[in-house]
Amino acid sequence: MSGSSPAARLQQLFEGRRLTPTQRRIAHSMVRRAGDVPFLSSVELAELAGVSQPSVTRFAVALGFDGYPALRKHLREVAPTEPVAGDGAGDDTYNEYQQAVLGEIENLRHLAELLADPAPVERAGRLLAASRPLPVLGLRAASSQARGFGYFAAKVHPDVRVLDEGGSMLRDRIDAARRAGASALICFALPRHPREVVDALAYAQEQGITVVSVADSAFAPVAKHSDLLIPAAVGTGLAFDTACAPMLLGRVLLEAMCDALPDAQARLEEFDARAAVRGLFVE
């Protein structure tokens, strides 16, 4: 554990905890600023997470500590002795657009640390490759992630079904996929989390479908209805969230799925040959 990143150590601290939505928000904020958290007061952490100071105290107690000072003492024992340089330092020298880009770079750095253990991604790749058909769910803000994943997945997977529209037909489409033989579903879940997505995942699990989720946090609302959740943070520095890390994680999962599909390369070569005959691309 001593060799892992501060963010990874925090994730381990929170794993298996039954946290309220407010507590998940605090946990998410702590992971995003893992290098600074051991040096923040409860008031500062409350401001960072956008919650009340008593909520931070209750959060520490929920983790098994006597209070926030005990939690901070624990974090200082397992974290670097100095705040992480560059993590928020000197922000006043950058304009808001640059800060948004730097925030996404930090999100990608956290994702790289997470992928140091490839086992979850490799497991997800095997699950997705084996599912016939493969439903890909993403509503509202996450619909573009689902469509992008589905577009590329269809080049190597024989039956991909993108579920990017809600409504009363959503469960029908999950039923149809299950009857056709679907064993797994991949969901892209981003803020703000539609209730319909959570309900759809619960229903999919009831039908015996294994749920793989890409979410902005390990504590996202979809977590309790996900058999395997891999987090990738979104950027919050602009009026609308940015999702570079979730998109990249989606491509990583595509790579893992290709590795688990023995005919993936042949399918790609066949597509390239057809594209050349049809003159699809100008290159």
C-alpha atoms as a PDB file:
ATOM      1  CA  MET A   1       0.000   0.000   0.000  1.00  0.00           C
ATOM      2  CA  SER A   2       2.932   2.325   0.684  1.00  0.00           C
ATOM      3  CA  GLY A   3       3.921   2.243  -3.003  1.00  0.00           C
ATOM      4  CA  SER A   4       0.545   3.310  -4.339  1.00  0.00           C
ATOM      5  CA  SER A   5      -0.513   6.855  -5.161  1.00  0.00           C
ATOM      6  CA  PRO A   6      -2.314   9.077  -2.604  1.00  0.00           C
ATOM      7  CA  ALA A   7      -5.488   8.813  -4.720  1.00  0.00           C
ATOM      8  CA  ALA A   8      -5.273   5.010  -4.773  1.00  0.00           C
ATOM      9  CA  ARG A   9      -4.780   4.880  -1.000  1.00  0.00           C
ATOM     10  CA  LEU A  10      -7.862   7.039  -0.493  1.00  0.00           C
ATOM     11  CA  GLN A  11      -9.881   4.785  -2.788  1.00  0.00           C
ATOM     12  CA  GLN A  12      -8.854   1.812  -0.645  1.00  0.00           C
ATOM     13  CA  LEU A  13      -9.936   3.670   2.494  1.00  0.00           C
ATOM     14  CA  PHE A  14     -13.424   4.223   1.057  1.00  0.00           C
ATOM     15  CA  GLU A  15     -13.945   0.804  -0.553  1.00  0.00           C
ATOM     16  CA  GLY A  16     -16.817  -1.193   0.885  1.00  0.00           C
ATOM     17  CA  ARG A  17     -18.213   1.743   2.877  1.00  0.00           C
ATOM     18  CA  ARG A  18     -21.912   2.509   2.747  1.00  0.00           C
ATOM     19  CA  LEU A  19     -21.792   6.274   2.222  1.00  0.00           C
ATOM     20  CA  THR A  20     -24.610   8.767   1.818  1.00  0.00           C
ATOM     21  CA  PRO A  21     -24.713  10.952  -1.317  1.00  0.00           C
ATOM     22  CA  THR A  22     -23.176  13.830   0.655  1.00  0.00           C
ATOM     23  CA  GLN A  23     -20.435  11.571   1.973  1.00  0.00           C
ATOM     24  CA  ARG A  24     -19.744  10.263  -1.544  1.00  0.00           C
ATOM     25  CA  ARG A  25     -19.327  13.881  -2.632  1.00  0.00           C
ATOM     26  CA  ILE A  26     -16.755  14.455   0.100  1.00  0.00           C
ATOM     27  CA  ALA A  27     -14.938  11.242  -0.828  1.00  0.00           C
ATOM     28  CA  HIS A  28     -14.886  12.209  -4.496  1.00  0.00           C
ATOM     29  CA  SER A  29     -13.447  15.636  -3.672  1.00  0.00           C
ATOM     30  CA  MET A  30     -10.770  14.059  -1.479  1.00  0.00           C
ATOM     31  CA  VAL A  31      -9.676  11.680  -4.233  1.00  0.00           C
ATOM     32  CA  ARG A  32      -9.434  14.526  -6.743  1.00  0.00           C
ATOM     33  CA  ARG A  33      -7.213  16.534  -4.363  1.00  0.00           C
ATOM     34  CA  ALA A  34      -5.507  13.569  -2.721  1.00  0.00           C
ATOM     35  CA  GLY A  35      -2.152  15.302  -2.312  1.00  0.00           C
ATOM     36  CA  ASP A  36      -3.621  18.293  -0.477  1.00  0.00           C
ATOM     37  CA  VAL A  37      -6.279  16.652   1.694  1.00  0.00           C
ATOM     38  CA  PRO A  38      -3.996  15.675   4.634  1.00  0.00           C
ATOM     39  CA  PHE A  39      -3.249  19.384   5.102  1.00  0.00           C
ATOM     40  CA  LEU A  40      -6.804  20.740   4.898  1.00  0.00           C
ATOM     41  CA  SER A  41      -8.947  21.696   7.873  1.00  0.00           C
ATOM     42  CA  SER A  42     -12.478  20.358   8.113  1.00  0.00           C
ATOM     43  CA  VAL A  43     -13.769  23.792   7.071  1.00  0.00           C
ATOM     44  CA  GLU A  44     -11.498  23.838   4.011  1.00  0.00           C
ATOM     45  CA  LEU A  45     -12.543  20.314   3.013  1.00  0.00           C
ATOM     46  CA  ALA A  46     -16.193  21.293   3.444  1.00  0.00           C
ATOM     47  CA  GLU A  47     -15.689  24.265   1.118  1.00  0.00           C
ATOM     48  CA  LEU A  48     -13.862  22.062  -1.400  1.00  0.00           C
ATOM     49  CA  ALA A  49     -16.723  19.538  -1.459  1.00  0.00           C
ATOM     50  CA  GLY A  50     -19.497  22.117  -1.221  1.00  0.00           C
ATOM     51  CA  VAL A  51     -20.939  20.659   1.992  1.00  0.00           C
ATOM     52  CA  SER A  52     -21.273  21.760   5.617  1.00  0.00           C
ATOM     53  CA  GLN A  53     -18.490  21.368   8.165  1.00  0.00           C
ATOM     54  CA  PRO A  54     -20.613  19.010  10.346  1.00  0.00           C
ATOM     55  CA  SER A  55     -21.023  16.802   7.265  1.00  0.00           C
ATOM     56  CA  VAL A  56     -17.252  16.400   7.139  1.00  0.00           C
ATOM     57  CA  THR A  57     -17.201  15.396  10.799  1.00  0.00           C
ATOM     58  CA  ARG A  58     -19.966  12.829  10.250  1.00  0.00           C
ATOM     59  CA  PHE A  59     -18.078  11.531   7.236  1.00  0.00           C
ATOM     60  CA  ALA A  60     -14.955  10.911   9.338  1.00  0.00           C
ATOM     61  CA  VAL A  61     -17.023   9.060  11.936  1.00  0.00           C
ATOM     62  CA  ALA A  62     -18.645   6.964   9.189  1.00  0.00           C
ATOM     63  CA  LEU A  63     -15.133   5.851   8.189  1.00  0.00           C
ATOM     64  CA  GLY A  64     -14.479   4.653  11.735  1.00  0.00           C
ATOM     65  CA  PHE A  65     -12.522   7.609  13.148  1.00  0.00           C
ATOM     66  CA  ASP A  66     -13.301   9.582  16.292  1.00  0.00           C
ATOM     67  CA  GLY A  67     -13.545  12.764  14.228  1.00  0.00           C
ATOM     68  CA  TYR A  68     -11.931  14.658  11.406  1.00  0.00           C
ATOM     69  CA  PRO A  69      -8.609  15.324  13.248  1.00  0.00           C
ATOM     70  CA  ALA A  70      -8.140  11.556  13.618  1.00  0.00           C
ATOM     71  CA  LEU A  71      -8.894  11.031   9.929  1.00  0.00           C
ATOM     72  CA  ARG A  72      -6.436  13.761   8.926  1.00  0.00           C
ATOM     73  CA  LYS A  73      -3.765  12.265  11.199  1.00  0.00           C
ATOM     74  CA  HIS A  74      -4.258   8.908   9.481  1.00  0.00           C
ATOM     75  CA  LEU A  75      -3.987  10.505   6.049  1.00  0.00           C
ATOM     76  CA  ARG A  76      -0.763  12.270   6.986  1.00  0.00           C
ATOM     77  CA  GLU A  77       0.730   8.952   8.057  1.00  0.00           C
ATOM     78  CA  VAL A  78       0.060   7.338   4.672  1.00  0.00           C
ATOM     79  CA  ALA A  79       0.508  10.401   2.411  1.00  0.00           C
ATOM     80  CA  PRO A  80       3.518  12.524   1.336  1.00  0.00           C
ATOM     81  CA  THR A  81       4.741  14.957   4.001  1.00  0.00           C
ATOM     82  CA  GLU A  82       4.342  17.962   1.693  1.00  0.00           C
ATOM     83  CA  PRO A  83       1.374  19.086  -0.409  1.00  0.00           C
ATOM     84  CA  VAL A  84       1.626  17.948  -4.014  1.00  0.00           C
ATOM     85  CA  ALA A  85       3.339  20.667  -6.028  1.00  0.00           C
ATOM     86  CA  GLY A  86       1.302  21.925  -8.935  1.00  0.00           C
ATOM     87  CA  ASP A  87      -1.980  20.526  -7.625  1.00  0.00           C
ATOM     88  CA  GLY A  88      -3.792  23.812  -7.409  1.00  0.00           C
ATOM     89  CA  ALA A  89      -0.580  25.739  -6.715  1.00  0.00           C
ATOM     90  CA  GLY A  90      -0.219  28.876  -8.780  1.00  0.00           C
ATOM     91  CA  ASP A  91      -3.746  28.664 -10.187  1.00  0.00           C
ATOM     92  CA  ASP A  92      -3.907  32.456 -10.196  1.00  0.00           C
ATOM     93  CA  THR A  93      -1.297  32.528 -12.982  1.00  0.00           C
ATOM     94  CA  TYR A  94      -3.634  30.716 -15.368  1.00  0.00           C
ATOM     95  CA  ASN A  95      -6.923  31.869 -16.843  1.00  0.00           C
ATOM     96  CA  GLU A  96     -10.075  29.786 -16.434  1.00  0.00           C
ATOM     97  CA  TYR A  97      -9.631  28.018 -19.770  1.00  0.00           C
ATOM     98  CA  GLN A  98      -6.092  26.965 -18.950  1.00  0.00           C
ATOM     99  CA  GLN A  99      -7.186  25.810 -15.505  1.00  0.00           C
ATOM    100  CA  ALA A 100      -9.853  23.627 -17.113  1.00  0.00           C
ATOM    101  CA  VAL A 101      -7.211  21.996 -19.314  1.00  0.00           C
ATOM    102  CA  LEU A 102      -4.843  21.513 -16.376  1.00  0.00           C
ATOM    103  CA  GLY A 103      -7.696  19.970 -14.389  1.00  0.00           C
ATOM    104  CA  GLU A 104      -8.262  17.428 -17.151  1.00  0.00           C
ATOM    105  CA  ILE A 105      -4.538  16.646 -17.256  1.00  0.00           C
ATOM    106  CA  GLU A 106      -4.756  15.859 -13.551  1.00  0.00           C
ATOM    107  CA  ASN A 107      -7.786  13.623 -14.176  1.00  0.00           C
ATOM    108  CA  LEU A 108      -5.816  11.740 -16.838  1.00  0.00           C
ATOM    109  CA  ARG A 109      -2.901  11.381 -14.423  1.00  0.00           C
ATOM    110  CA  HIS A 110      -5.211   9.798 -11.857  1.00  0.00           C
ATOM    111  CA  LEU A 111      -6.558   7.456 -14.541  1.00  0.00           C
ATOM    112  CA  ALA A 112      -3.019   6.411 -15.464  1.00  0.00           C
ATOM    113  CA  GLU A 113      -2.353   5.600 -11.800  1.00  0.00           C
ATOM    114  CA  LEU A 114      -5.525   3.549 -11.641  1.00  0.00           C
ATOM    115  CA  LEU A 115      -4.561   1.577 -14.745  1.00  0.00           C
ATOM    116  CA  ALA A 116      -1.307   0.490 -13.103  1.00  0.00           C
ATOM    117  CA  ASP A 117      -3.412  -2.526 -12.139  1.00  0.00           C
ATOM    118  CA  PRO A 118      -4.812  -3.729 -15.483  1.00  0.00           C
ATOM    119  CA  ALA A 119      -6.844  -6.587 -13.995  1.00  0.00           C
ATOM    120  CA  PRO A 120     -10.224  -4.744 -13.806  1.00  0.00           C
ATOM    121  CA  VAL A 121      -9.942  -3.511 -17.405  1.00  0.00           C
ATOM    122  CA  GLU A 122      -8.893  -6.949 -18.640  1.00  0.00           C
ATOM    123  CA  ARG A 123     -11.821  -8.541 -16.812  1.00  0.00           C
ATOM    124  CA  ALA A 124     -14.190  -5.973 -18.323  1.00  0.00           C
ATOM    125  CA  GLY A 125     -12.791  -6.662 -21.787  1.00  0.00           C
ATOM    126  CA  ARG A 126     -13.497 -10.378 -21.432  1.00  0.00           C
ATOM    127  CA  LEU A 127     -17.047  -9.763 -20.185  1.00  0.00           C
ATOM    128  CA  LEU A 128     -17.868  -7.388 -23.038  1.00  0.00           C
ATOM    129  CA  ALA A 129     -16.297  -9.595 -25.697  1.00  0.00           C
ATOM    130  CA  ALA A 130     -18.313 -12.611 -24.564  1.00  0.00           C
ATOM    131  CA  SER A 131     -21.689 -10.860 -24.587  1.00  0.00           C
ATOM    132  CA  ARG A 132     -23.818 -11.460 -27.703  1.00  0.00           C
ATOM    133  CA  PRO A 133     -25.335  -8.931 -28.185  1.00  0.00           C
ATOM    134  CA  LEU A 134     -23.521  -6.181 -26.292  1.00  0.00           C
ATOM    135  CA  PRO A 135     -25.783  -3.370 -24.989  1.00  0.00           C
ATOM    136  CA  VAL A 136     -24.044   0.002 -24.498  1.00  0.00           C
ATOM    137  CA  LEU A 137     -25.999   2.354 -22.218  1.00  0.00           C
ATOM    138  CA  GLY A 138     -25.544   6.098 -21.835  1.00  0.00           C
ATOM    139  CA  LEU A 139     -28.216   8.767 -21.390  1.00  0.00           C
ATOM    140  CA  ARG A 140     -28.151  12.566 -21.478  1.00  0.00           C
ATOM    141  CA  ALA A 141     -24.573  13.798 -20.863  1.00  0.00           C
ATOM    142  CA  ALA A 142     -23.217  10.273 -21.292  1.00  0.00           C
ATOM    143  CA  SER A 143     -25.026   9.552 -24.559  1.00  0.00           C
ATOM    144  CA  SER A 144     -22.084  10.748 -26.657  1.00  0.00           C
ATOM    145  CA  GLN A 145     -19.762   8.423 -24.730  1.00  0.00           C
ATOM    146  CA  ALA A 146     -22.079   5.482 -25.425  1.00  0.00           C
ATOM    147  CA  ARG A 147     -22.388   6.315 -29.119  1.00  0.00           C
ATOM    148  CA  GLY A 148     -18.636   6.749 -29.519  1.00  0.00           C
ATOM    149  CA  PHE A 149     -17.934   3.442 -27.812  1.00  0.00           C
ATOM    150  CA  GLY A 150     -20.645   1.725 -29.837  1.00  0.00           C
ATOM    151  CA  TYR A 151     -19.329   3.103 -33.131  1.00  0.00           C
ATOM    152  CA  PHE A 152     -15.881   1.590 -32.652  1.00  0.00           C
ATOM    153  CA  ALA A 153     -17.060  -1.552 -30.862  1.00  0.00           C
ATOM    154  CA  ALA A 154     -19.244  -2.431 -33.856  1.00  0.00           C
ATOM    155  CA  LYS A 155     -16.116  -2.716 -36.014  1.00  0.00           C
ATOM    156  CA  VAL A 156     -14.888  -5.716 -34.013  1.00  0.00           C
ATOM    157  CA  HIS A 157     -17.941  -7.040 -32.133  1.00  0.00           C
ATOM    158  CA  PRO A 158     -20.665  -8.833 -34.124  1.00  0.00           C
ATOM    159  CA  ASP A 159     -23.682  -7.320 -32.353  1.00  0.00           C
ATOM    160  CA  VAL A 160     -23.527  -3.963 -30.537  1.00  0.00           C
ATOM    161  CA  ARG A 161     -26.725  -2.237 -29.415  1.00  0.00           C
ATOM    162  CA  VAL A 162     -26.431   1.380 -28.255  1.00  0.00           C
ATOM    163  CA  LEU A 163     -29.074   2.409 -25.709  1.00  0.00           C
ATOM    164  CA  ASP A 164     -28.853   6.200 -25.727  1.00  0.00           C
ATOM    165  CA  GLU A 165     -32.541   7.093 -25.369  1.00  0.00           C
ATOM    166  CA  GLY A 166     -34.627   6.721 -22.239  1.00  0.00           C
ATOM    167  CA  GLY A 167     -38.347   6.384 -21.864  1.00  0.00           C
ATOM    168  CA  SER A 168     -40.662   3.414 -21.561  1.00  0.00           C
ATOM    169  CA  MET A 169     -38.849   1.562 -24.361  1.00  0.00           C
ATOM    170  CA  LEU A 170     -35.558   1.314 -22.481  1.00  0.00           C
ATOM    171  CA  ARG A 171     -36.530  -1.741 -20.448  1.00  0.00           C
ATOM    172  CA  ASP A 172     -38.000  -3.301 -23.574  1.00  0.00           C
ATOM    173  CA  ARG A 173     -34.655  -2.951 -25.325  1.00  0.00           C
ATOM    174  CA  ILE A 174     -32.855  -4.462 -22.329  1.00  0.00           C
ATOM    175  CA  ASP A 175     -35.327  -7.352 -22.425  1.00  0.00           C
ATOM    176  CA  ALA A 176     -34.736  -7.822 -26.148  1.00  0.00           C
ATOM    177  CA  ALA A 177     -30.978  -7.878 -25.656  1.00  0.00           C
ATOM    178  CA  ARG A 178     -31.285 -10.411 -22.848  1.00  0.00           C
ATOM    179  CA  ARG A 179     -33.545 -12.674 -24.904  1.00  0.00           C
ATOM    180  CA  ALA A 180     -31.023 -12.497 -27.743  1.00  0.00           C
ATOM    181  CA  GLY A 181     -28.318 -13.748 -25.384  1.00  0.00           C
ATOM    182  CA  ALA A 182     -26.715 -10.650 -23.800  1.00  0.00           C
ATOM    183  CA  SER A 183     -24.669 -11.580 -20.736  1.00  0.00           C
ATOM    184  CA  ALA A 184     -23.096  -8.173 -20.029  1.00  0.00           C
ATOM    185  CA  LEU A 185     -23.865  -4.488 -20.467  1.00  0.00           C
ATOM    186  CA  ILE A 186     -21.526  -1.510 -20.405  1.00  0.00           C
ATOM    187  CA  CYS A 187     -22.840   1.751 -18.989  1.00  0.00           C
ATOM    188  CA  PHE A 188     -21.339   5.226 -19.215  1.00  0.00           C
ATOM    189  CA  ALA A 189     -22.596   7.256 -16.251  1.00  0.00           C
ATOM    190  CA  LEU A 190     -21.724  10.944 -15.907  1.00  0.00           C
ATOM    191  CA  PRO A 191     -23.094  13.848 -13.836  1.00  0.00           C
ATOM    192  CA  ARG A 192     -25.801  14.762 -13.431  1.00  0.00           C
ATOM    193  CA  HIS A 193     -26.807  11.126 -13.030  1.00  0.00           C
ATOM    194  CA  PRO A 194     -30.272  10.423 -14.484  1.00  0.00           C
ATOM    195  CA  ARG A 195     -32.453   8.358 -12.177  1.00  0.00           C
ATOM    196  CA  GLU A 196     -33.471   6.389 -15.262  1.00  0.00           C
ATOM    197  CA  VAL A 197     -29.938   5.046 -15.667  1.00  0.00           C
ATOM    198  CA  VAL A 198     -29.814   3.774 -12.082  1.00  0.00           C
ATOM    199  CA  ASP A 199     -33.213   2.111 -12.519  1.00  0.00           C
ATOM    200  CA  ALA A 200     -32.149   0.560 -15.841  1.00  0.00           C
ATOM    201  CA  LEU A 201     -29.022  -0.961 -14.309  1.00  0.00           C
ATOM    202  CA  ALA A 202     -31.007  -2.382 -11.408  1.00  0.00           C
ATOM    203  CA  TYR A 203     -33.406  -3.936 -13.923  1.00  0.00           C
ATOM    204  CA  ALA A 204     -30.554  -5.326 -16.032  1.00  0.00           C
ATOM    205  CA  GLN A 205     -29.066  -7.033 -12.985  1.00  0.00           C
ATOM    206  CA  GLU A 206     -32.469  -8.492 -12.126  1.00  0.00           C
ATOM    207  CA  GLN A 207     -32.463 -10.058 -15.600  1.00  0.00           C
ATOM    208  CA  GLY A 208     -29.101 -11.687 -14.932  1.00  0.00           C
ATOM    209  CA  ILE A 209     -26.977  -9.254 -16.957  1.00  0.00           C
ATOM    210  CA  THR A 210     -23.524  -8.373 -15.625  1.00  0.00           C
ATOM    211  CA  VAL A 211     -23.092  -4.588 -15.468  1.00  0.00           C
ATOM    212  CA  VAL A 212     -19.778  -2.913 -16.270  1.00  0.00           C
ATOM    213  CA  SER A 213     -19.823   0.832 -15.557  1.00  0.00           C
ATOM    214  CA  VAL A 214     -17.573   3.749 -16.442  1.00  0.00           C
ATOM    215  CA  ALA A 215     -18.480   6.503 -13.972  1.00  0.00           C
ATOM    216  CA  ASP A 216     -17.018   9.770 -12.752  1.00  0.00           C
ATOM    217  CA  SER A 217     -16.421   8.333  -9.284  1.00  0.00           C
ATOM    218  CA  ALA A 218     -16.311   5.012  -7.467  1.00  0.00           C
ATOM    219  CA  PHE A 219     -19.070   6.502  -5.315  1.00  0.00           C
ATOM    220  CA  ALA A 220     -21.403   7.451  -8.173  1.00  0.00           C
ATOM    221  CA  PRO A 221     -25.093   6.495  -7.789  1.00  0.00           C
ATOM    222  CA  VAL A 222     -24.661   3.643 -10.311  1.00  0.00           C
ATOM    223  CA  ALA A 223     -22.085   1.931  -8.060  1.00  0.00           C
ATOM    224  CA  LYS A 224     -24.614  -0.155  -6.135  1.00  0.00           C
ATOM    225  CA  HIS A 225     -25.964  -1.612  -9.382  1.00  0.00           C
ATOM    226  CA  SER A 226     -22.584  -2.245 -11.038  1.00  0.00           C
ATOM    227  CA  ASP A 227     -20.779  -5.575 -10.899  1.00  0.00           C
ATOM    228  CA  LEU A 228     -17.585  -3.867 -12.053  1.00  0.00           C
ATOM    229  CA  LEU A 229     -17.111  -0.095 -11.905  1.00  0.00           C
ATOM    230  CA  ILE A 230     -14.013   1.692 -13.193  1.00  0.00           C
ATOM    231  CA  PRO A 231     -13.877   5.404 -12.286  1.00  0.00           C
ATOM    232  CA  ALA A 232     -12.647   8.250 -14.474  1.00  0.00           C
ATOM    233  CA  ALA A 233     -13.165  11.778 -13.167  1.00  0.00           C
ATOM    234  CA  VAL A 234     -14.800  14.564 -15.153  1.00  0.00           C
ATOM    235  CA  GLY A 235     -13.574  18.152 -15.306  1.00  0.00           C
ATOM    236  CA  THR A 236     -15.721  20.707 -13.520  1.00  0.00           C
ATOM    237  CA  GLY A 237     -13.844  23.920 -14.289  1.00  0.00           C
ATOM    238  CA  LEU A 238     -16.201  25.109 -17.038  1.00  0.00           C
ATOM    239  CA  ALA A 239     -19.939  25.736 -17.191  1.00  0.00           C
ATOM    240  CA  PHE A 240     -20.399  22.225 -18.606  1.00  0.00           C
ATOM    241  CA  ASP A 241     -18.417  19.207 -17.396  1.00  0.00           C
ATOM    242  CA  THR A 242     -15.626  17.857 -19.582  1.00  0.00           C
ATOM    243  CA  ALA A 243     -15.113  14.112 -19.953  1.00  0.00           C
ATOM    244  CA  CYS A 244     -11.655  13.464 -21.400  1.00  0.00           C
ATOM    245  CA  ALA A 245     -10.804  10.741 -18.872  1.00  0.00           C
ATOM    246  CA  PRO A 246     -14.074   8.772 -19.329  1.00  0.00           C
ATOM    247  CA  MET A 247     -13.611   8.921 -23.103  1.00  0.00           C
ATOM    248  CA  LEU A 248     -10.045   7.640 -22.866  1.00  0.00           C
ATOM    249  CA  LEU A 249     -11.119   4.900 -20.456  1.00  0.00           C
ATOM    250  CA  GLY A 250     -13.738   3.870 -23.007  1.00  0.00           C
ATOM    251  CA  ARG A 251     -10.989   3.481 -25.625  1.00  0.00           C
ATOM    252  CA  VAL A 252      -8.907   1.465 -23.161  1.00  0.00           C
ATOM    253  CA  LEU A 253     -11.866  -0.867 -22.620  1.00  0.00           C
ATOM    254  CA  LEU A 254     -12.244  -1.192 -26.394  1.00  0.00           C
ATOM    255  CA  GLU A 255      -8.591  -2.248 -26.574  1.00  0.00           C
ATOM    256  CA  ALA A 256      -9.144  -4.842 -23.841  1.00  0.00           C
ATOM    257  CA  MET A 257     -12.237  -6.109 -25.643  1.00  0.00           C
ATOM    258  CA  CYS A 258     -10.267  -6.430 -28.896  1.00  0.00           C
ATOM    259  CA  ASP A 259      -7.645  -8.455 -27.034  1.00  0.00           C
ATOM    260  CA  ALA A 260     -10.406 -10.837 -25.918  1.00  0.00           C
ATOM    261  CA  LEU A 261     -11.937 -11.188 -29.418  1.00  0.00           C
ATOM    262  CA  PRO A 262      -9.858 -13.629 -31.474  1.00  0.00           C
ATOM    263  CA  ASP A 263     -11.204 -12.324 -34.793  1.00  0.00           C
ATOM    264  CA  ALA A 264     -10.961  -8.596 -33.986  1.00  0.00           C
ATOM    265  CA  GLN A 265      -7.970  -7.957 -36.239  1.00  0.00           C
ATOM    266  CA  ALA A 266      -9.561  -9.843 -39.127  1.00  0.00           C
ATOM    267  CA  ARG A 267     -12.743  -7.766 -38.770  1.00  0.00           C
ATOM    268  CA  LEU A 268     -10.738  -4.525 -38.809  1.00  0.00           C
ATOM    269  CA  GLU A 269      -8.832  -5.579 -41.914  1.00  0.00           C
ATOM    270  CA  GLU A 270     -12.096  -6.553 -43.610  1.00  0.00           C
ATOM    271  CA  PHE A 271     -13.573  -3.143 -42.800  1.00  0.00           C
ATOM    272  CA  ASP A 272     -10.493  -1.356 -44.170  1.00  0.00           C
ATOM    273  CA  ALA A 273     -10.730  -3.340 -47.408  1.00  0.00           C
ATOM    274  CA  ARG A 274     -14.428  -2.518 -47.846  1.00  0.00           C
ATOM    275  CA  ALA A 275     -13.804   1.140 -47.010  1.00  0.00           C
ATOM    276  CA  ALA A 276     -11.118   1.325 -49.699  1.00  0.00           C
ATOM    277  CA  VAL A 277     -13.430  -0.198 -52.310  1.00  0.00           C
ATOM    278  CA  ARG A 278     -16.205   2.231 -51.395  1.00  0.00           C
ATOM    279  CA  GLY A 279     -13.897   5.233 -51.206  1.00  0.00           C
ATOM    280  CA  LEU A 280     -15.190   6.120 -47.745  1.00  0.00           C
ATOM    281  CA  PHE A 281     -12.213   8.209 -46.681  1.00  0.00           C
ATOM    282  CA  VAL A 282     -10.183  10.867 -48.442  1.00  0.00           C
ATOM    283  CA  GLU A 283      -6.826   9.756 -47.014  1.00  0.00           C
END
